[in-house]
Amino acid sequence: MVVMVFGGAVDGINGYEVRVEVDAGRGLPTFQIVGLPNTAVRESRERVMSAVRNCGLGWPKGRVTVNLAPAEVRKEGASLDLAVAVGVLGQGGCSGALADFRDVVFLGELSLAGGVEPVRGLLAIVMALSAGGRRRFVVPRRQLVEACLVEGIEVLGAETLREVGSWLDGESIPNWSAGGRPLPGLPPERGSGDAFLGLVDSHTRHLAMTAAAGRHNMLLVGTPGSGKTRLCRAVGVLQPEMTTRDAIDVLRISGTLGFHADLNCGLSRPPRPFRAPHHSVTRAGLVGGGAGMQPGEATLAHHGVLFLDELTEFAYGVLDALREPLEERRISVVRGGGSREWPADFQLLAAMNPCRCGWLGSRRRHCSCSAATVARHRDRLSGPFLDRIDLFCELDETLPDNRGPFDPGGQWNPVEARDRVVMARRILDADPVRGAGELLFARRHLDEGAREILDRARTGMALSIRSLIRCAGVARTVAALEGRTTALRCDAVRALGWRREAALTQSGAAL
């Protein structure tokens, strides 16, 4: 008789169900696994055999064949070890107990001594299988808290294969933990990354708060050491805390890529992702794909920040690959190995020098670049890519009022700033701008003066429809920071002042 046990595996960032069918029949003692297993799955034969033997459990006689269904889907990872071992134990005399628990999903990697170890992508697997109707899961004890984040399920944490075998033999069933466990919030103080804002002028502070509250794409241009990178990291710190749903989504994505292998105790709400890939990253590394069809940095930055420092050093095609994700908030990749769709709702923050040597427009050093060199430097960024930038700012290379770098002046209260950002985010989330009618929807949040300014700017600054929509969104964020739901004329003027077209009109120093 064939014993069937349910397990799960991951494909990219998504989990799926695997039916583990175990058959034991006449023949020489062999152990074979079929169903498109990769190397890690094939090697589970040795792990399962050693774990069963070291736990003192019975092994079936004769030829043992394990089929992983669906057979046409390639299986990766070690998450099926426990399910395979349970199926083998069913052939060894526990089939009666297994008949009573056919709805249980077994997930876990086995050590040679029989320990149930954490697996990659457990949260993604549990979420996918629970959406398909599965309600009971046996997982590694060290990932019990992680699995309990999913609502409507029961979870049992197992420490060793011996515990699972004793349970299948009819011994007392351990207590099941209910899913839907709340995810604690972050401590109020998340770091000192925003201390730099105490050193800059009020205009730059307001720029950072606007970028954080509205999650607007921002490009900073300035000479070396002007604070571009520090300001972008300060924006990341000012970001409002994620909702529980978004936090679980971030944990699911990072878990499938192996970034959360041990979340057994004290699992808290993660901070928003802040991904900063080096400028040598490939297109597949940034947006996903490659031989293994794995997601890239844009997906790892989902619900967070994708920071590109030294923007003009990135390959031209790599940057242009971000144009669609910046609009659609998702990535669709089609390769010879199939097609994938990954989420990519990230905020783009970028920094660059004004020229190749970095000193164009500086009052401290002379720029050594020729006009042709400056032109080539600017041409590395395409117009459609720059059109998706909401906030453009050229940073001054000196601190205001000739203050020293360790002499913060003015009134700067980080707690108050975060509170204003959170308030603005709530106002914006209460009536989000999405869909085909974005322009009409965005104009609805503008008063007559703001509409007039934007209509005049469309001709005077040669703004595209996309630029108008983004300007209206920035103006609405500026108003939300003041506690208003409607943007005024002054808000629209400030939003237009942060456009790249405005900087070009004033001076052609940067782009």
Protein backbone atom coordinates (compact mmCIF):
# COMPACT_ATOMS: atom_id res chain seq x y z
CA MET A 1 0.00 0.00 0.00
CA VAL A 2 1.24 3.46 -0.90
CA VAL A 3 1.53 5.94 1.98
CA MET A 4 0.88 9.57 1.11
CA VAL A 5 2.14 12.48 3.21
CA PHE A 6 1.85 16.21 2.48
CA GLY A 7 4.85 18.52 2.41
CA GLY A 8 5.80 21.74 0.68
CA ALA A 9 8.57 23.53 -1.21
CA VAL A 10 9.30 26.98 -2.61
CA ASP A 11 9.47 28.20 -6.19
CA GLY A 12 11.02 31.66 -6.24
CA ILE A 13 9.22 33.50 -3.44
CA ASN A 14 6.06 31.37 -3.50
CA GLY A 15 5.32 28.10 -1.77
CA TYR A 16 3.44 25.14 -3.19
CA GLU A 17 2.18 21.78 -1.97
CA VAL A 18 4.07 18.55 -2.63
CA ARG A 19 2.48 15.13 -2.22
CA VAL A 20 5.04 12.63 -0.93
CA GLU A 21 4.08 9.10 -2.01
CA VAL A 22 6.09 6.27 -0.45
CA ASP A 23 5.94 2.66 -1.65
CA ALA A 24 7.82 -0.32 -0.18
CA GLY A 25 7.87 -3.59 -2.10
CA ARG A 26 9.86 -6.68 -2.93
CA GLY A 27 13.37 -6.38 -4.19
CA LEU A 28 16.84 -5.57 -3.05
CA PRO A 29 17.01 -2.93 -0.26
CA THR A 30 17.19 0.38 -2.11
CA PHE A 31 15.94 3.89 -1.51
CA GLN A 32 15.05 5.99 -4.55
CA ILE A 33 13.46 9.45 -4.88
CA VAL A 34 11.74 10.47 -8.15
CA GLY A 35 9.74 13.52 -9.21
CA LEU A 36 12.39 15.97 -10.53
CA PRO A 37 14.39 16.37 -7.30
CA ASN A 38 17.39 18.68 -7.34
CA THR A 39 20.67 17.82 -5.65
CA ALA A 40 19.53 18.91 -2.19
CA VAL A 41 16.39 16.76 -2.44
CA ARG A 42 18.28 13.72 -3.77
CA GLU A 43 20.73 13.99 -0.88
CA SER A 44 17.80 13.76 1.54
CA ARG A 45 18.05 9.97 1.12
CA GLU A 46 21.20 9.93 3.24
CA ARG A 47 19.79 12.39 5.78
CA VAL A 48 16.54 10.45 6.17
CA MET A 49 18.27 7.06 6.48
CA SER A 50 20.72 8.32 9.10
CA ALA A 51 18.01 10.18 11.05
CA VAL A 52 15.71 7.16 11.17
CA ARG A 53 18.54 4.86 12.24
CA ASN A 54 19.92 7.22 14.91
CA CYS A 55 16.45 7.78 16.37
CA GLY A 56 15.95 4.03 16.76
CA LEU A 57 12.96 3.88 14.42
CA GLY A 58 12.06 1.06 12.05
CA TRP A 59 12.97 1.03 8.38
CA PRO A 60 10.75 -0.85 5.88
CA LYS A 61 12.15 -3.95 4.19
CA GLY A 62 12.82 -4.23 0.49
CA ARG A 63 12.77 -1.55 -2.19
CA VAL A 64 11.57 1.91 -1.05
CA THR A 65 10.45 4.37 -3.72
CA VAL A 66 9.45 7.98 -2.99
CA ASN A 67 7.55 10.01 -5.57
CA LEU A 68 7.28 13.78 -5.22
CA ALA A 69 4.14 15.00 -6.96
CA PRO A 70 3.47 16.98 -9.09
CA ALA A 71 6.23 15.18 -10.96
CA GLU A 72 6.68 17.84 -13.66
CA VAL A 73 7.70 20.58 -11.17
CA ARG A 74 11.35 20.66 -10.11
CA LYS A 75 11.73 20.30 -6.32
CA GLU A 76 14.38 22.34 -4.52
CA GLY A 77 15.55 22.68 -0.94
CA ALA A 78 15.48 20.45 2.12
CA SER A 79 11.95 21.24 3.35
CA LEU A 80 10.68 17.80 2.26
CA ASP A 81 13.03 15.79 4.53
CA LEU A 82 10.50 15.43 7.36
CA ALA A 83 7.62 14.51 5.04
CA VAL A 84 9.76 11.84 3.35
CA ALA A 85 10.83 10.43 6.72
CA VAL A 86 7.22 10.33 7.97
CA GLY A 87 6.16 8.48 4.81
CA VAL A 88 8.96 5.95 5.31
CA LEU A 89 7.90 5.48 8.95
CA GLY A 90 4.36 4.89 7.69
CA GLN A 91 5.65 1.99 5.63
CA GLY A 92 7.51 0.77 8.67
CA GLY A 93 4.40 0.28 10.83
CA CYS A 94 2.87 3.71 11.49
CA SER A 95 0.40 3.68 8.58
CA GLY A 96 -2.55 3.33 10.93
CA ALA A 97 -1.66 6.52 12.76
CA LEU A 98 -0.99 8.33 9.48
CA ALA A 99 -4.52 7.55 8.32
CA ASP A 100 -5.81 9.68 11.19
CA PHE A 101 -3.62 12.66 10.25
CA ARG A 102 -3.83 12.84 6.48
CA ASP A 103 -4.57 16.56 6.64
CA VAL A 104 -1.28 17.35 8.43
CA VAL A 105 1.56 19.01 6.48
CA PHE A 106 5.10 18.08 7.56
CA LEU A 107 7.88 20.62 6.96
CA GLY A 108 11.47 20.41 8.13
CA GLU A 109 15.05 19.52 7.31
CA LEU A 110 16.60 16.55 9.12
CA SER A 111 20.06 16.37 10.61
CA LEU A 112 21.93 13.07 10.66
CA ALA A 113 21.17 12.74 14.37
CA GLY A 114 17.43 13.17 13.76
CA GLY A 115 16.96 16.82 14.66
CA VAL A 116 14.30 18.82 12.83
CA GLU A 117 16.08 21.89 11.48
CA PRO A 118 14.71 25.21 10.09
CA VAL A 119 13.97 25.42 6.38
CA ARG A 120 14.15 28.20 3.84
CA GLY A 121 10.83 29.75 2.87
CA LEU A 122 8.72 28.16 5.61
CA LEU A 123 6.40 31.17 5.94
CA ALA A 124 5.79 31.25 2.18
CA ILE A 125 4.95 27.53 2.18
CA VAL A 126 2.57 27.78 5.13
CA MET A 127 0.82 30.81 3.63
CA ALA A 128 0.36 29.10 0.26
CA LEU A 129 -0.88 25.80 1.69
CA SER A 130 -3.23 27.45 4.18
CA ALA A 131 -4.75 29.41 1.29
CA GLY A 132 -5.32 26.04 -0.37
CA GLY A 133 -7.22 24.67 2.62
CA ARG A 134 -4.55 23.04 4.79
CA ARG A 135 -5.05 23.78 8.47
CA ARG A 136 -2.50 21.70 10.46
CA PHE A 137 1.27 21.89 10.14
CA VAL A 138 4.25 20.23 11.83
CA VAL A 139 7.27 22.56 11.59
CA PRO A 140 10.70 22.88 13.23
CA ARG A 141 10.43 24.05 16.82
CA ARG A 142 12.73 26.99 16.08
CA GLN A 143 10.28 28.26 13.44
CA LEU A 144 7.10 27.77 15.42
CA VAL A 145 6.59 31.50 16.04
CA GLU A 146 7.16 32.26 12.37
CA ALA A 147 4.53 29.75 11.24
CA CYS A 148 2.03 31.04 13.81
CA LEU A 149 1.89 34.38 12.00
CA VAL A 150 -0.56 32.80 9.55
CA GLU A 151 -4.18 33.02 10.67
CA GLY A 152 -6.63 30.12 10.80
CA ILE A 153 -4.15 27.27 11.24
CA GLU A 154 -2.79 24.99 13.97
CA VAL A 155 0.97 24.49 14.25
CA LEU A 156 3.05 21.90 16.10
CA GLY A 157 6.74 22.52 16.68
CA ALA A 158 8.90 19.38 16.54
CA GLU A 159 12.41 19.15 17.94
CA THR A 160 13.40 15.68 16.70
CA LEU A 161 12.18 12.96 14.39
CA ARG A 162 11.83 10.71 17.45
CA GLU A 163 9.11 13.03 18.81
CA VAL A 164 7.22 12.80 15.54
CA GLY A 165 7.62 9.02 15.44
CA SER A 166 6.32 8.65 19.01
CA TRP A 167 3.35 10.81 18.09
CA LEU A 168 2.59 8.63 15.06
CA ASP A 169 2.78 5.52 17.27
CA GLY A 170 -0.15 6.84 19.27
CA GLU A 171 1.51 8.52 22.22
CA SER A 172 0.03 11.70 23.69
CA ILE A 173 -0.34 14.42 21.09
CA PRO A 174 1.47 17.64 22.02
CA ASN A 175 -0.49 20.85 22.22
CA TRP A 176 -1.09 22.65 18.96
CA SER A 177 -0.37 26.35 18.74
CA ALA A 178 -3.01 28.52 17.10
CA GLY A 179 -2.05 30.73 14.16
CA GLY A 180 -2.75 34.44 13.90
CA ARG A 181 -0.22 35.46 16.53
CA PRO A 182 0.30 39.26 16.51
CA LEU A 183 3.57 40.68 15.30
CA PRO A 184 5.04 43.04 17.92
CA GLY A 185 6.03 46.51 16.77
CA LEU A 186 9.50 47.97 16.69
CA PRO A 187 10.89 49.92 19.64
CA PRO A 188 10.21 53.66 19.36
CA GLU A 189 13.89 54.48 18.72
CA ARG A 190 15.15 52.66 15.64
CA GLY A 191 18.58 54.20 15.38
CA SER A 192 20.37 57.46 14.91
CA GLY A 193 20.36 57.52 11.12
CA ASP A 194 18.27 60.68 11.11
CA ALA A 195 20.74 62.65 13.28
CA PHE A 196 22.22 64.05 10.08
CA LEU A 197 18.99 65.99 9.52
CA GLY A 198 19.88 68.11 12.54
CA LEU A 199 22.87 69.45 10.57
CA VAL A 200 21.08 70.59 7.43
CA ASP A 201 18.76 73.46 6.57
CA SER A 202 14.99 73.33 6.98
CA HIS A 203 14.43 72.98 3.21
CA THR A 204 16.46 69.76 3.08
CA ARG A 205 14.71 68.43 6.19
CA HIS A 206 11.34 69.08 4.59
CA LEU A 207 12.53 67.29 1.46
CA ALA A 208 13.47 64.22 3.52
CA MET A 209 10.14 64.22 5.38
CA THR A 210 8.21 64.57 2.12
CA ALA A 211 10.10 61.67 0.57
CA ALA A 212 9.49 59.49 3.64
CA ALA A 213 5.80 60.34 4.04
CA GLY A 214 4.83 59.94 0.39
CA ARG A 215 7.41 57.28 -0.49
CA HIS A 216 8.39 59.44 -3.46
CA ASN A 217 11.31 58.55 -5.70
CA MET A 218 14.20 60.94 -5.05
CA LEU A 219 17.48 61.80 -6.78
CA LEU A 220 20.15 63.80 -4.97
CA VAL A 221 23.00 65.48 -6.87
CA GLY A 222 26.01 66.95 -5.14
CA THR A 223 29.75 67.04 -4.80
CA PRO A 224 31.59 64.28 -2.91
CA GLY A 225 30.95 64.49 0.83
CA SER A 226 27.91 66.75 0.57
CA GLY A 227 25.75 64.25 2.49
CA LYS A 228 23.78 62.55 -0.29
CA THR A 229 24.12 59.02 1.12
CA ARG A 230 23.46 60.09 4.70
CA LEU A 231 20.34 61.99 3.68
CA CYS A 232 18.98 58.95 1.80
CA ARG A 233 19.60 56.74 4.82
CA ALA A 234 17.85 59.33 7.00
CA VAL A 235 14.80 59.03 4.73
CA GLY A 236 14.87 55.28 5.32
CA VAL A 237 14.86 55.81 9.09
CA LEU A 238 11.95 58.26 8.88
CA GLN A 239 9.77 55.73 7.07
CA PRO A 240 6.52 54.88 8.91
CA GLU A 241 6.29 51.42 10.43
CA MET A 242 4.86 48.76 8.15
CA THR A 243 1.40 47.30 8.68
CA THR A 244 1.19 43.72 9.90
CA ARG A 245 0.21 42.53 6.45
CA ASP A 246 3.16 44.25 4.79
CA ALA A 247 5.56 43.04 7.50
CA ILE A 248 4.50 39.43 6.97
CA ASP A 249 4.94 39.91 3.23
CA VAL A 250 8.50 41.16 3.80
CA LEU A 251 9.26 38.20 6.08
CA ARG A 252 7.87 35.82 3.47
CA ILE A 253 10.06 37.22 0.69
CA SER A 254 13.25 37.43 2.74
CA GLY A 255 12.63 33.98 4.20
CA THR A 256 12.50 32.32 0.77
CA LEU A 257 15.95 33.72 0.04
CA GLY A 258 17.41 32.46 3.31
CA PHE A 259 17.65 35.72 5.24
CA HIS A 260 15.58 34.50 8.19
CA ALA A 261 16.72 31.01 9.15
CA ASP A 262 16.23 31.24 12.92
CA LEU A 263 13.21 33.22 14.10
CA ASN A 264 12.21 30.98 16.99
CA CYS A 265 11.75 33.46 19.82
CA GLY A 266 11.05 37.13 20.10
CA LEU A 267 10.05 37.55 16.44
CA SER A 268 9.20 41.23 15.99
CA ARG A 269 7.98 43.41 13.17
CA PRO A 270 10.92 43.94 10.79
CA PRO A 271 12.00 47.43 9.71
CA ARG A 272 11.31 48.45 6.17
CA PRO A 273 13.88 46.91 3.82
CA PHE A 274 16.74 49.16 2.78
CA ARG A 275 18.60 47.55 -0.11
CA ALA A 276 21.74 49.23 -1.44
CA PRO A 277 23.27 47.10 -4.24
CA HIS A 278 26.71 47.95 -5.61
CA HIS A 279 26.82 49.66 -8.98
CA SER A 280 28.34 46.52 -10.53
CA VAL A 281 25.03 44.65 -10.10
CA THR A 282 23.70 42.94 -13.21
CA ARG A 283 20.21 43.31 -14.64
CA ALA A 284 19.25 39.89 -13.28
CA GLY A 285 20.63 40.83 -9.89
CA LEU A 286 18.56 44.01 -9.79
CA VAL A 287 15.20 42.96 -11.24
CA GLY A 288 15.52 39.16 -11.11
CA GLY A 289 15.93 36.32 -13.55
CA GLY A 290 19.10 34.47 -14.40
CA ALA A 291 19.57 30.73 -14.66
CA GLY A 292 17.69 30.02 -11.45
CA MET A 293 14.90 32.56 -12.09
CA GLN A 294 15.43 34.14 -8.68
CA PRO A 295 14.05 37.55 -7.63
CA GLY A 296 16.42 40.51 -7.51
CA GLU A 297 17.13 43.49 -5.29
CA ALA A 298 13.97 45.28 -6.45
CA THR A 299 11.83 42.51 -4.98
CA LEU A 300 13.91 42.34 -1.79
CA ALA A 301 13.16 46.08 -1.42
CA HIS A 302 9.38 45.43 -1.59
CA HIS A 303 7.60 47.79 0.86
CA GLY A 304 10.95 49.46 1.52
CA VAL A 305 13.75 51.44 -0.10
CA LEU A 306 16.00 50.64 -3.05
CA PHE A 307 19.03 52.92 -2.73
CA LEU A 308 21.30 53.33 -5.74
CA ASP A 309 24.45 55.21 -4.82
CA GLU A 310 26.71 56.52 -7.58
CA LEU A 311 23.78 56.27 -9.98
CA THR A 312 25.70 57.10 -13.14
CA GLU A 313 28.08 54.18 -12.53
CA PHE A 314 25.28 51.65 -13.06
CA ALA A 315 25.05 50.09 -16.50
CA TYR A 316 22.61 51.87 -18.81
CA GLY A 317 20.44 48.80 -19.42
CA VAL A 318 20.34 47.95 -15.71
CA LEU A 319 18.80 51.30 -14.78
CA ASP A 320 16.30 51.24 -17.63
CA ALA A 321 15.09 47.84 -16.45
CA LEU A 322 13.59 49.69 -13.46
CA ARG A 323 11.27 51.81 -15.60
CA GLU A 324 8.37 49.33 -15.65
CA PRO A 325 8.65 48.31 -11.96
CA LEU A 326 8.60 51.98 -10.92
CA GLU A 327 5.19 52.28 -12.62
CA GLU A 328 3.60 48.85 -12.19
CA ARG A 329 5.01 48.00 -8.72
CA ARG A 330 5.71 44.48 -9.95
CA ILE A 331 8.20 42.67 -12.18
CA SER A 332 7.35 40.19 -14.93
CA VAL A 333 10.32 38.19 -16.19
CA VAL A 334 10.17 35.75 -19.10
CA ARG A 335 13.17 33.55 -19.80
CA GLY A 336 13.85 30.20 -21.40
CA GLY A 337 13.24 28.56 -18.01
CA GLY A 338 9.71 29.96 -17.77
CA SER A 339 8.04 33.13 -16.55
CA ARG A 340 7.84 34.68 -13.10
CA GLU A 341 6.03 37.64 -11.58
CA TRP A 342 7.39 39.21 -8.41
CA PRO A 343 6.20 42.16 -6.31
CA ALA A 344 8.34 45.30 -6.42
CA ASP A 345 6.57 48.10 -4.56
CA PHE A 346 9.72 49.96 -3.56
CA GLN A 347 10.77 53.58 -3.13
CA LEU A 348 13.76 54.55 -5.26
CA LEU A 349 16.38 56.77 -3.62
CA ALA A 350 19.45 57.62 -5.69
CA ALA A 351 22.56 59.77 -5.43
CA MET A 352 25.07 60.92 -8.00
CA ASN A 353 27.87 63.42 -8.63
CA PRO A 354 27.26 66.35 -10.98
CA CYS A 355 30.10 65.32 -13.27
CA ARG A 356 32.79 62.67 -13.71
CA CYS A 357 35.30 64.32 -11.37
CA GLY A 358 32.50 65.32 -9.01
CA TRP A 359 33.35 69.02 -8.60
CA LEU A 360 31.15 70.76 -11.17
CA GLY A 361 29.72 73.89 -9.52
CA SER A 362 31.90 73.48 -6.42
CA ARG A 363 33.24 76.49 -4.56
CA ARG A 364 36.07 74.43 -3.05
CA ARG A 365 37.67 72.76 -6.07
CA HIS A 366 37.87 73.36 -9.77
CA CYS A 367 36.08 70.95 -12.12
CA SER A 368 38.52 69.27 -14.51
CA CYS A 369 35.87 67.80 -16.83
CA SER A 370 35.44 68.99 -20.39
CA ALA A 371 32.04 69.88 -21.79
CA ALA A 372 31.97 66.59 -23.69
CA THR A 373 32.78 64.62 -20.52
CA VAL A 374 29.99 66.36 -18.61
CA ALA A 375 27.57 65.64 -21.46
CA ARG A 376 28.50 61.94 -21.49
CA HIS A 377 28.05 61.83 -17.72
CA ARG A 378 24.52 63.22 -18.00
CA ASP A 379 23.62 60.96 -20.95
CA ARG A 380 24.05 57.84 -18.81
CA LEU A 381 20.54 58.49 -17.44
CA SER A 382 17.68 58.24 -19.91
CA GLY A 383 14.85 60.75 -20.04
CA PRO A 384 12.08 58.19 -19.33
CA PHE A 385 13.98 57.00 -16.25
CA LEU A 386 14.42 60.55 -14.94
CA ASP A 387 10.75 61.31 -15.65
CA ARG A 388 9.87 58.80 -12.92
CA ILE A 389 11.80 60.78 -10.28
CA ASP A 390 9.43 62.82 -8.09
CA LEU A 391 11.99 64.78 -6.06
CA PHE A 392 15.20 66.22 -7.47
CA CYS A 393 17.57 68.21 -5.30
CA GLU A 394 21.08 69.60 -5.67
CA LEU A 395 22.74 69.55 -2.25
CA ASP A 396 24.96 72.39 -1.10
CA GLU A 397 28.46 71.28 -0.23
CA THR A 398 28.64 73.42 2.93
CA LEU A 399 26.52 73.44 6.06
CA PRO A 400 24.32 76.50 6.59
CA ASP A 401 25.59 79.42 8.67
CA ASN A 402 29.15 78.00 8.49
CA ARG A 403 28.39 75.58 11.29
CA GLY A 404 30.82 72.83 12.02
CA PRO A 405 29.93 69.18 11.34
CA PHE A 406 29.41 68.51 15.05
CA ASP A 407 27.51 71.68 15.88
CA PRO A 408 23.82 70.99 15.11
CA GLY A 409 21.82 74.20 15.01
CA GLY A 410 18.15 75.06 14.71
CA GLN A 411 15.22 73.21 16.13
CA TRP A 412 15.19 69.56 15.10
CA ASN A 413 13.11 67.01 16.95
CA PRO A 414 13.34 63.50 15.40
CA VAL A 415 10.34 62.20 17.36
CA GLU A 416 8.16 65.09 16.23
CA ALA A 417 9.33 64.62 12.65
CA ARG A 418 8.39 60.92 12.70
CA ASP A 419 5.00 61.79 14.16
CA ARG A 420 4.37 64.23 11.31
CA VAL A 421 5.42 61.62 8.76
CA VAL A 422 3.09 59.02 10.32
CA MET A 423 0.22 61.53 10.36
CA ALA A 424 0.78 62.37 6.70
CA ARG A 425 0.96 58.71 5.76
CA ARG A 426 -2.42 58.08 7.40
CA ILE A 427 -3.99 60.95 5.47
CA LEU A 428 -2.59 59.62 2.19
CA ASP A 429 -3.57 56.01 2.89
CA ALA A 430 -7.15 57.04 3.66
CA ASP A 431 -7.67 57.90 -0.03
CA PRO A 432 -4.86 56.40 -2.14
CA VAL A 433 -4.33 57.41 -5.76
CA ARG A 434 -4.30 54.31 -7.96
CA GLY A 435 -5.75 53.16 -11.26
CA ALA A 436 -6.26 54.45 -14.77
CA GLY A 437 -7.87 57.72 -13.70
CA GLU A 438 -4.86 58.85 -11.66
CA LEU A 439 -4.71 62.36 -13.11
CA LEU A 440 -8.38 63.16 -12.45
CA PHE A 441 -8.13 61.55 -9.03
CA ALA A 442 -4.98 63.49 -8.15
CA ARG A 443 -6.50 66.80 -9.26
CA ARG A 444 -9.42 66.17 -6.93
CA HIS A 445 -7.06 66.77 -3.99
CA LEU A 446 -5.91 70.15 -5.35
CA ASP A 447 -7.58 73.50 -4.85
CA GLU A 448 -8.18 75.88 -7.75
CA GLY A 449 -4.88 77.70 -7.29
CA ALA A 450 -2.87 74.46 -7.28
CA ARG A 451 -4.63 73.25 -10.45
CA GLU A 452 -3.89 76.52 -12.20
CA ILE A 453 -0.20 76.34 -11.31
CA LEU A 454 0.12 72.76 -12.60
CA ASP A 455 -1.78 73.56 -15.81
CA ARG A 456 0.54 76.47 -16.53
CA ALA A 457 3.62 74.39 -15.68
CA ARG A 458 2.61 71.68 -18.13
CA THR A 459 3.27 74.08 -21.00
CA GLY A 460 5.98 76.24 -19.46
CA MET A 461 8.08 73.33 -18.19
CA ALA A 462 7.06 70.81 -20.88
CA LEU A 463 5.80 68.31 -18.30
CA SER A 464 4.40 64.95 -19.34
CA ILE A 465 1.16 63.51 -18.02
CA ARG A 466 3.21 61.29 -15.75
CA SER A 467 5.07 64.32 -14.41
CA LEU A 468 1.80 66.12 -13.67
CA ILE A 469 0.46 63.13 -11.78
CA ARG A 470 3.65 62.89 -9.74
CA CYS A 471 3.69 66.63 -9.04
CA ALA A 472 0.10 66.44 -7.82
CA GLY A 473 1.08 63.54 -5.55
CA VAL A 474 4.02 65.46 -4.10
CA ALA A 475 1.82 68.52 -3.52
CA ARG A 476 -0.68 66.34 -1.70
CA THR A 477 2.09 64.91 0.50
CA VAL A 478 3.32 68.42 1.34
CA ALA A 479 -0.24 69.30 2.39
CA ALA A 480 -0.58 66.07 4.42
CA LEU A 481 2.56 66.97 6.40
CA GLU A 482 0.65 70.08 7.52
CA GLY A 483 -2.41 68.02 8.41
CA ARG A 484 -4.42 69.09 5.33
CA THR A 485 -6.25 66.81 2.86
CA THR A 486 -6.27 69.39 0.06
CA ALA A 487 -3.14 70.80 -1.56
CA LEU A 488 -2.93 74.58 -1.92
CA ARG A 489 -1.16 76.77 -4.45
CA CYS A 490 1.97 76.99 -2.28
CA ASP A 491 2.11 73.17 -2.06
CA ALA A 492 2.01 72.88 -5.86
CA VAL A 493 4.75 75.51 -6.20
CA ARG A 494 7.01 73.56 -3.82
CA ALA A 495 6.30 70.29 -5.66
CA LEU A 496 7.22 71.90 -8.99
CA GLY A 497 10.40 73.30 -7.45
CA TRP A 498 11.58 69.74 -6.78
CA ARG A 499 11.14 68.65 -10.39
CA ARG A 500 14.22 68.09 -12.53
CA GLU A 501 12.76 70.39 -15.17
CA ALA A 502 12.76 73.25 -12.66
CA ALA A 503 16.44 72.68 -11.89
CA LEU A 504 17.24 72.69 -15.59
CA THR A 505 15.34 75.92 -16.04
CA GLN A 506 17.29 77.59 -13.24
CA SER A 507 20.72 76.17 -14.09
CA GLY A 508 21.95 73.35 -16.25
CA ALA A 509 24.61 72.33 -13.76
CA ALA A 510 23.33 68.86 -12.91
CA LEU A 511 21.35 67.09 -15.60
